[in-house]
Protein backbone atom coordinates (compact mmCIF):
# COMPACT_ATOMS: atom_id res chain seq x y z
CA UNK A 1 -60.55 -11.22 -10.66
CA UNK A 2 -57.32 -13.13 -10.99
CA UNK A 3 -54.21 -11.23 -9.89
CA UNK A 4 -50.91 -11.87 -11.64
CA UNK A 5 -47.90 -12.48 -9.41
CA UNK A 6 -44.85 -10.26 -9.73
CA UNK A 7 -43.00 -13.19 -11.34
CA UNK A 8 -45.74 -13.59 -13.93
CA UNK A 9 -45.73 -9.88 -14.77
CA UNK A 10 -41.93 -9.88 -15.07
CA UNK A 11 -41.98 -13.00 -17.26
CA UNK A 12 -44.64 -11.47 -19.50
CA UNK A 13 -42.70 -8.24 -19.97
CA UNK A 14 -39.34 -9.91 -20.61
CA UNK A 15 -40.98 -12.40 -22.96
CA UNK A 16 -42.44 -9.52 -24.98
CA UNK A 17 -39.03 -7.82 -25.02
CA UNK A 18 -37.26 -10.97 -26.19
CA UNK A 19 -39.76 -11.57 -29.01
CA UNK A 20 -39.34 -7.98 -30.13
CA UNK A 21 -35.54 -8.05 -30.12
CA UNK A 22 -35.37 -11.34 -32.04
CA UNK A 23 -37.70 -10.02 -34.74
CA UNK A 24 -35.65 -9.10 -37.82
CA UNK A 25 -38.22 -6.49 -38.89
CA UNK A 26 -37.87 -4.71 -35.54
CA UNK A 27 -34.08 -4.75 -35.87
CA UNK A 28 -34.43 -3.28 -39.37
CA UNK A 29 -36.62 -0.38 -38.18
CA UNK A 30 -34.61 0.17 -34.98
CA UNK A 31 -31.54 1.06 -37.06
CA UNK A 32 -33.58 3.70 -38.90
CA UNK A 33 -35.47 5.41 -36.09
CA UNK A 34 -33.47 8.30 -34.55
CA UNK A 35 -34.59 7.47 -31.02
CA UNK A 36 -33.50 3.82 -31.22
CA UNK A 37 -30.54 4.07 -33.59
CA UNK A 38 -27.94 4.89 -30.93
CA UNK A 39 -29.16 2.09 -28.66
CA UNK A 40 -29.21 -0.38 -31.54
CA UNK A 41 -25.68 0.54 -32.57
CA UNK A 42 -24.35 0.10 -29.02
CA UNK A 43 -26.05 -3.28 -28.76
CA UNK A 44 -24.63 -4.32 -32.12
CA UNK A 45 -21.13 -3.30 -31.03
CA UNK A 46 -21.48 -5.20 -27.76
CA UNK A 47 -22.66 -8.29 -29.61
CA UNK A 48 -19.77 -8.13 -32.06
CA UNK A 49 -17.28 -7.66 -29.21
CA UNK A 50 -18.63 -10.86 -27.67
CA UNK A 51 -18.09 -12.68 -30.95
CA UNK A 52 -14.62 -11.24 -31.56
CA UNK A 53 -13.32 -11.03 -28.01
CA UNK A 54 -11.08 -14.07 -28.40
CA UNK A 55 -9.29 -12.29 -31.26
CA UNK A 56 -8.76 -9.17 -29.16
CA UNK A 57 -7.17 -11.23 -26.40
CA UNK A 58 -4.86 -12.91 -28.91
CA UNK A 59 -3.79 -9.53 -30.30
CA UNK A 60 -2.93 -8.50 -26.73
CA UNK A 61 -1.06 -11.78 -26.25
CA UNK A 62 1.00 -11.15 -29.40
CA UNK A 63 1.86 -7.60 -28.26
CA UNK A 64 3.09 -8.91 -24.92
CA UNK A 65 4.96 -11.96 -26.22
CA UNK A 66 6.76 -9.88 -28.87
CA UNK A 67 7.58 -7.08 -26.38
CA UNK A 68 5.95 -4.55 -28.70
CA UNK A 69 4.97 -2.17 -25.91
CA UNK A 70 8.49 -1.74 -24.44
CA UNK A 71 9.78 -1.10 -27.97
CA UNK A 72 7.24 1.68 -28.53
CA UNK A 73 7.93 3.10 -25.08
CA UNK A 74 11.32 4.15 -26.44
CA UNK A 75 9.53 6.55 -28.81
CA UNK A 76 7.38 6.57 -31.97
CA UNK A 77 8.65 4.28 -34.73
CA UNK A 78 7.64 3.23 -38.22
CA UNK A 79 6.24 -0.20 -38.99
CA UNK A 80 9.49 -1.06 -40.79
CA UNK A 81 11.59 -0.28 -37.72
CA UNK A 82 9.16 -2.08 -35.42
CA UNK A 83 9.22 -5.15 -37.67
CA UNK A 84 12.97 -5.43 -37.30
CA UNK A 85 12.84 -4.88 -33.55
CA UNK A 86 10.22 -7.58 -32.88
CA UNK A 87 11.37 -10.04 -35.56
CA UNK A 88 8.28 -9.97 -37.80
CA UNK A 89 7.84 -9.40 -41.53
CA UNK A 90 6.93 -5.78 -42.23
CA UNK A 91 3.40 -6.74 -43.29
CA UNK A 92 2.95 -8.81 -40.15
CA UNK A 93 4.16 -5.95 -37.96
CA UNK A 94 1.87 -3.51 -39.72
CA UNK A 95 -1.13 -5.78 -39.26
CA UNK A 96 -0.37 -6.17 -35.55
CA UNK A 97 0.13 -2.43 -35.10
CA UNK A 98 -3.16 -1.61 -36.83
CA UNK A 99 -4.99 -4.16 -34.67
CA UNK A 100 -3.36 -2.76 -31.54
CA UNK A 101 -4.41 0.77 -32.56
CA UNK A 102 -8.04 -0.37 -32.70
CA UNK A 103 -7.72 -1.67 -29.14
CA UNK A 104 -6.08 1.53 -27.80
CA UNK A 105 -2.86 -0.30 -27.06
CA UNK A 106 -1.04 1.67 -29.75
CA UNK A 107 -1.58 5.12 -31.34
CA UNK A 108 -0.79 6.45 -34.78
CA UNK A 109 1.71 9.30 -34.73
CA UNK A 110 2.80 11.79 -37.35
CA UNK A 111 5.07 10.68 -40.16
CA UNK A 112 3.56 7.20 -40.43
CA UNK A 113 4.90 6.23 -37.03
CA UNK A 114 3.33 4.37 -34.12
CA UNK A 115 3.56 5.04 -30.39
CA UNK A 116 2.04 3.78 -27.16
CA UNK A 117 -1.72 4.12 -26.71
CA UNK A 118 -3.45 4.87 -23.43
CA UNK A 119 -4.03 1.21 -22.53
CA UNK A 120 -0.56 0.20 -23.73
CA UNK A 121 1.07 2.78 -21.47
CA UNK A 122 -1.12 1.71 -18.55
CA UNK A 123 -0.11 -1.92 -19.07
CA UNK A 124 3.59 -1.05 -18.98
CA UNK A 125 2.98 0.63 -15.64
CA UNK A 126 1.53 -2.60 -14.25
CA UNK A 127 4.01 -5.48 -14.61
CA UNK A 128 1.50 -7.76 -12.89
CA UNK A 129 -0.92 -7.35 -15.81
CA UNK A 130 1.83 -8.27 -18.26
CA UNK A 131 2.61 -11.35 -16.18
CA UNK A 132 -1.05 -12.41 -16.24
CA UNK A 133 -1.25 -12.00 -20.02
CA UNK A 134 1.79 -14.25 -20.44
CA UNK A 135 0.22 -16.73 -18.05
CA UNK A 136 -3.00 -16.85 -20.07
CA UNK A 137 -1.44 -19.16 -22.63
CA UNK A 138 -2.35 -22.00 -20.27
CA UNK A 139 -5.91 -20.75 -19.90
CA UNK A 140 -6.31 -20.60 -23.68
CA UNK A 141 -5.38 -24.27 -23.89
CA UNK A 142 -8.10 -25.22 -21.43
CA UNK A 143 -10.71 -23.04 -23.15
CA UNK A 144 -10.28 -24.63 -26.58
CA UNK A 145 -13.43 -26.66 -25.91
CA UNK A 146 -15.52 -24.92 -23.23
CA UNK A 147 -18.36 -27.42 -23.60
CA UNK A 148 -16.04 -30.33 -22.79
CA UNK A 149 -14.73 -28.32 -19.84
CA UNK A 150 -18.26 -27.78 -18.54
CA UNK A 151 -19.07 -31.45 -18.95
CA UNK A 152 -15.95 -32.49 -17.06
CA UNK A 153 -14.59 -34.35 -20.08
CA UNK A 154 -11.21 -32.58 -20.33
CA UNK A 155 -9.32 -34.58 -17.73
CA UNK A 156 -6.19 -32.95 -16.36
CA UNK A 157 -6.04 -29.31 -17.44
CA UNK A 158 -3.08 -27.02 -17.98
CA UNK A 159 -4.18 -24.78 -15.12
CA UNK A 160 -4.61 -27.68 -12.70
CA UNK A 161 -1.02 -28.71 -13.45
CA UNK A 162 0.18 -25.14 -12.96
CA UNK A 163 -1.63 -24.60 -9.66
CA UNK A 164 -0.20 -27.77 -8.18
CA UNK A 165 -1.87 -27.48 -4.77
CA UNK A 166 -5.33 -27.52 -6.39
CA UNK A 167 -5.00 -31.17 -7.42
CA UNK A 168 -2.65 -32.43 -4.71
CA UNK A 169 -3.91 -34.61 -1.87
CA UNK A 170 -0.91 -33.51 0.20
CA UNK A 171 -0.06 -29.95 -0.91
CA UNK A 172 2.25 -29.37 2.04
CA UNK A 173 4.58 -32.03 0.65
CA UNK A 174 5.04 -30.28 -2.70
CA UNK A 175 8.66 -29.58 -3.52
CA UNK A 176 9.91 -26.10 -4.36
CA UNK A 177 9.91 -26.56 -8.18
CA UNK A 178 6.20 -27.41 -8.10
CA UNK A 179 5.30 -24.09 -6.45
CA UNK A 180 7.87 -21.68 -7.86
CA UNK A 181 5.98 -20.58 -10.99
CA UNK A 182 2.62 -19.88 -9.39
CA UNK A 183 4.23 -18.33 -6.33
CA UNK A 184 6.15 -15.89 -8.53
CA UNK A 185 2.98 -15.03 -10.47
CA UNK A 186 1.02 -14.35 -7.28
CA UNK A 187 3.88 -12.28 -5.91
CA UNK A 188 4.01 -10.15 -9.06
CA UNK A 189 0.28 -9.50 -8.99
CA UNK A 190 0.03 -8.69 -5.27
CA UNK A 191 1.40 -5.22 -5.93
CA UNK A 192 -1.88 -4.49 -7.71
CA UNK A 193 -3.97 -5.02 -4.60
CA UNK A 194 -1.76 -4.38 -1.55
CA UNK A 195 -2.20 -0.61 -1.50
CA UNK A 196 -5.92 -0.93 -2.27
CA UNK A 197 -6.40 -3.13 0.81
CA UNK A 198 -4.22 -1.10 3.16
CA UNK A 199 -5.86 2.17 2.11
CA UNK A 200 -9.29 0.65 2.70
CA UNK A 201 -8.54 -0.86 6.13
CA UNK A 202 -6.34 1.18 8.52
CA UNK A 203 -4.25 -1.11 10.73
CA UNK A 204 -2.65 1.36 13.09
CA UNK A 205 -4.11 -0.42 16.14
CA UNK A 206 -2.92 -3.87 15.10
CA UNK A 207 -0.12 -5.59 16.97
CA UNK A 208 0.45 -8.74 14.92
CA UNK A 209 -0.93 -9.59 11.47
CA UNK A 210 -0.93 -13.08 9.98
CA UNK A 211 -1.33 -13.40 6.22
CA UNK A 212 -2.86 -16.83 5.54
CA UNK A 213 -1.83 -18.23 2.18
CA UNK A 214 0.61 -15.33 2.03
CA UNK A 215 2.74 -16.72 -0.79
CA UNK A 216 6.17 -15.17 -1.15
CA UNK A 217 5.35 -12.41 1.30
CA UNK A 218 4.50 -9.58 -1.09
CA UNK A 219 1.47 -8.38 0.86
CA UNK A 220 3.27 -8.82 4.17
CA UNK A 221 6.15 -6.68 2.91
CA UNK A 222 3.65 -3.93 2.08
CA UNK A 223 2.13 -4.16 5.58
CA UNK A 224 5.49 -4.05 7.36
CA UNK A 225 6.69 -1.21 5.17
CA UNK A 226 3.64 0.92 5.94
CA UNK A 227 3.35 0.08 9.66
CA UNK A 228 6.77 -0.02 11.40
CA UNK A 229 5.31 -1.25 14.71
CA UNK A 230 3.38 -4.23 13.36
CA UNK A 231 4.88 -7.70 13.52
CA UNK A 232 3.86 -10.37 11.08
CA UNK A 233 3.41 -14.06 10.32
CA UNK A 234 3.19 -15.54 6.84
CA UNK A 235 1.40 -18.90 6.80
CA UNK A 236 1.60 -21.03 3.65
CA UNK A 237 2.75 -24.41 2.40
CA UNK A 238 6.26 -25.11 3.66
CA UNK A 239 7.91 -24.87 0.23
CA UNK A 240 6.17 -21.53 -0.37
CA UNK A 241 6.91 -20.27 3.14
CA UNK A 242 10.61 -20.89 2.54
CA UNK A 243 10.46 -18.56 -0.46
CA UNK A 244 8.69 -15.95 1.68
CA UNK A 245 11.41 -16.17 4.31
CA UNK A 246 14.11 -15.50 1.72
CA UNK A 247 12.26 -12.52 0.28
CA UNK A 248 11.41 -10.92 3.61
CA UNK A 249 14.91 -11.49 4.97
CA UNK A 250 16.38 -9.82 1.88
CA UNK A 251 14.08 -6.85 2.42
CA UNK A 252 15.33 -6.42 5.98
CA UNK A 253 12.10 -7.48 7.69
CA UNK A 254 13.48 -10.59 9.40
CA UNK A 255 13.40 -9.11 12.94
CA UNK A 256 9.68 -8.37 12.67
CA UNK A 257 8.29 -11.37 10.81
CA UNK A 258 8.35 -15.12 10.83
CA UNK A 259 7.03 -17.70 8.42
CA UNK A 260 5.05 -20.77 9.39
CA UNK A 261 4.73 -23.72 7.06
CA UNK A 262 1.59 -25.80 6.98
CA UNK A 263 -1.58 -26.78 5.15
CA UNK A 264 -4.55 -24.77 6.43
CA UNK A 265 -6.86 -27.61 5.40
CA UNK A 266 -5.45 -29.87 8.11
CA UNK A 267 -3.02 -27.90 10.30
CA UNK A 268 -4.11 -25.51 13.07
CA UNK A 269 -3.37 -21.84 12.48
CA UNK A 270 -0.95 -20.01 14.78
CA UNK A 271 -2.80 -18.11 17.51
CA UNK A 272 -0.51 -15.13 18.11
CA UNK A 273 -2.13 -12.59 15.77
CA UNK A 274 -4.92 -10.09 16.38
CA UNK A 275 -5.51 -9.51 12.64
CA UNK A 276 -5.61 -12.15 9.90
CA UNK A 277 -5.78 -11.62 6.15
CA UNK A 278 -6.93 -13.80 3.29
CA UNK A 279 -5.76 -12.04 0.13
CA UNK A 280 -7.11 -13.71 -3.02
CA UNK A 281 -7.24 -17.07 -1.28
CA UNK A 282 -10.90 -17.85 -0.67
CA UNK A 283 -12.08 -17.95 -4.28
CA UNK A 284 -9.43 -20.58 -5.09
CA UNK A 285 -11.16 -23.16 -2.91
CA UNK A 286 -14.43 -25.09 -2.81
CA UNK A 287 -17.12 -24.32 -0.23
CA UNK A 288 -16.23 -27.05 2.26
CA UNK A 289 -12.59 -25.91 2.38
CA UNK A 290 -13.60 -22.27 2.73
CA UNK A 291 -15.98 -23.01 5.59
CA UNK A 292 -13.27 -24.98 7.40
CA UNK A 293 -10.73 -22.21 6.81
CA UNK A 294 -13.00 -19.45 8.11
CA UNK A 295 -13.85 -21.55 11.17
CA UNK A 296 -10.13 -22.16 11.80
CA UNK A 297 -9.41 -18.44 11.54
CA UNK A 298 -12.23 -17.72 14.00
CA UNK A 299 -10.77 -20.22 16.49
CA UNK A 300 -7.26 -18.81 16.18
CA UNK A 301 -8.21 -15.15 16.62
CA UNK A 302 -8.61 -13.56 20.05
CA UNK A 303 -11.89 -11.93 21.05
CA UNK A 304 -12.45 -8.77 18.96
CA UNK A 305 -9.82 -9.96 16.45
CA UNK A 306 -10.24 -9.03 12.80
CA UNK A 307 -10.31 -11.16 9.66
CA UNK A 308 -9.85 -9.32 6.36
CA UNK A 309 -10.98 -11.10 3.18
CA UNK A 310 -9.82 -9.41 -0.03
CA UNK A 311 -10.47 -10.69 -3.54
CA UNK A 312 -12.45 -10.00 -6.72
CA UNK A 313 -16.09 -10.76 -5.96
CA UNK A 314 -18.93 -11.84 -8.17
CA UNK A 315 -21.70 -9.30 -8.87
CA UNK A 316 -19.34 -6.34 -8.51
CA UNK A 317 -21.22 -3.41 -10.13
CA UNK A 318 -19.61 -2.61 -13.46
CA UNK A 319 -17.41 -5.71 -13.37
CA UNK A 320 -19.92 -8.56 -13.49
CA UNK A 321 -18.12 -10.40 -16.34
CA UNK A 322 -14.91 -10.48 -14.30
CA UNK A 323 -16.54 -12.66 -11.66
CA UNK A 324 -19.06 -14.84 -13.46
CA UNK A 325 -17.30 -15.24 -16.82
CA UNK A 326 -13.53 -14.84 -16.28
CA UNK A 327 -13.09 -16.28 -12.80
CA UNK A 328 -16.00 -18.67 -13.25
CA UNK A 329 -14.22 -20.46 -16.09
CA UNK A 330 -10.67 -19.88 -14.83
CA UNK A 331 -11.42 -21.63 -11.55
CA UNK A 332 -13.33 -24.36 -13.37
CA UNK A 333 -10.23 -25.06 -15.47
CA UNK A 334 -8.06 -24.85 -12.37
CA UNK A 335 -10.22 -27.53 -10.76
CA UNK A 336 -10.90 -25.73 -7.50
CA UNK A 337 -12.93 -22.81 -6.21
CA UNK A 338 -15.61 -20.50 -7.58
CA UNK A 339 -16.34 -16.77 -7.64
CA UNK A 340 -18.53 -15.66 -4.74
CA UNK A 341 -20.57 -12.55 -4.16
CA UNK A 342 -20.30 -10.21 -1.20
CA UNK A 343 -23.56 -11.62 0.15
CA UNK A 344 -22.33 -15.22 -0.08
CA UNK A 345 -19.04 -14.45 1.65
CA UNK A 346 -20.80 -12.45 4.34
CA UNK A 347 -23.09 -15.39 5.06
CA UNK A 348 -20.14 -17.79 5.23
CA UNK A 349 -18.28 -15.49 7.63
CA UNK A 350 -21.29 -15.29 9.91
CA UNK A 351 -21.71 -19.05 9.80
CA UNK A 352 -18.10 -19.30 11.02
CA UNK A 353 -18.97 -17.14 14.03
CA UNK A 354 -17.85 -13.68 12.91
CA UNK A 355 -19.92 -10.63 13.79
CA UNK A 356 -20.00 -7.10 12.41
CA UNK A 357 -19.13 -8.12 8.84
CA UNK A 358 -18.76 -5.01 6.70
CA UNK A 359 -17.50 -3.97 3.29
CA UNK A 360 -14.49 -1.63 3.22
CA UNK A 361 -14.63 0.56 0.14
CA UNK A 362 -11.72 0.26 -2.31
CA UNK A 363 -10.82 2.65 -5.11
CA UNK A 364 -10.91 -0.04 -7.76
CA UNK A 365 -13.46 -2.80 -6.98
CA UNK A 366 -12.57 -4.43 -10.31
CA UNK A 367 -9.25 -5.50 -8.81
CA UNK A 368 -10.41 -6.37 -5.33
CA UNK A 369 -13.13 -5.88 -2.78
CA UNK A 370 -12.58 -6.12 0.95
CA UNK A 371 -14.73 -7.61 3.70
CA UNK A 372 -13.77 -6.98 7.34
CA UNK A 373 -15.17 -9.36 9.96
CA UNK A 374 -14.75 -9.11 13.72
CA UNK A 375 -14.78 -11.98 16.17
CA UNK A 376 -17.39 -11.20 18.79
CA UNK A 377 -16.00 -9.95 22.06
CA UNK A 378 -17.36 -10.82 25.51
CA UNK A 379 -20.02 -8.35 26.63
CA UNK A 380 -17.77 -6.79 29.25
CA UNK A 381 -14.99 -6.18 26.75
CA UNK A 382 -17.37 -4.76 24.18
CA UNK A 383 -18.90 -2.45 26.79
CA UNK A 384 -15.44 -1.14 27.63
CA UNK A 385 -15.01 -0.18 23.97
CA UNK A 386 -11.89 -2.27 23.43
CA UNK A 387 -10.38 -1.68 20.01
CA UNK A 388 -7.11 -3.58 20.17
CA UNK A 389 -7.51 -7.28 20.95
CA UNK A 390 -4.72 -9.13 22.66
CA UNK A 391 -3.60 -12.43 21.19
CA UNK A 392 -1.93 -15.18 23.13
CA UNK A 393 1.84 -15.39 23.03
CA UNK A 394 4.28 -13.27 21.04
CA UNK A 395 4.03 -12.75 17.27
CA UNK A 396 7.78 -12.99 16.78
């Protein structure tokens, strides 16, 4: 008797399911049977949201560009008042308000007025989200023809021009104007993830932390503010590192931190730190660059040193579209990098020589997930239970 393989059984079952779901008669009866009606309605809503999602994002874009949410934060207002405040015809303002109500950005209030909705209020509490929405105008340009983008027929994209280092053969030679916009965007959005990372990975035993690709120093400022005894190094392109120095000096951290300019693709990493961080850096780069970067971090760390990799990861339960759809196409348009799963990153870390790779649980995996990897210690050191590695030299 012939035995079907598990693949064959799975293919047979999913093939039967697909034929059933594409049958218009089944769809007709599914909407009428009490047991299937709720499921059919949810599927229909999900399908329509896929079709109309680009409109939803444009409604959000209009709310942000017109500063509708800050206006409503002042208190409930009529469509006529809102129209004057955001410089739209009354009918245009009313149409935008009604659309925003349907997306929970705005709520109807008594007396024909409108106020902030739950999502609108949450957005105002996260300036980084507002900054990303404004930034998405460039992404929309590149997504006008997704098929051409997939075929590599677009040429230079808006996002590749914005993220100047992604297309530069010598990123460390970029002048300050070429990095100012993206550095400011990354700095604004780091507030979203800094506390998530630091709550997930206690650093009380660390002596010196180096943030690789640390931008304007936003994450480093959070580290130094939480841990008064830690010293720090920010490593990034020279023009970006200069901006970090100004910011950290202004915050009063100058005695405890230094910046180091360089290109991690070609320049050796400083060796003074016992903890290194890569915060939303790895997914911006292709596999060869990532492998070289992880190997460089492994070489620069002392025995038992830690490397912390924090970024949105593909296959995050409940946030799968964020990785495969959003970041998949964003990084394609940017011209560098790809979303990677926890399993892929873990394998790459082990290939680089790291041991004891583990996931540190964050409150909001949608924003970021955290992998902590330790450089293997000599047997004698491990047997002694050493927890605080000693790096060469002084961090500051």
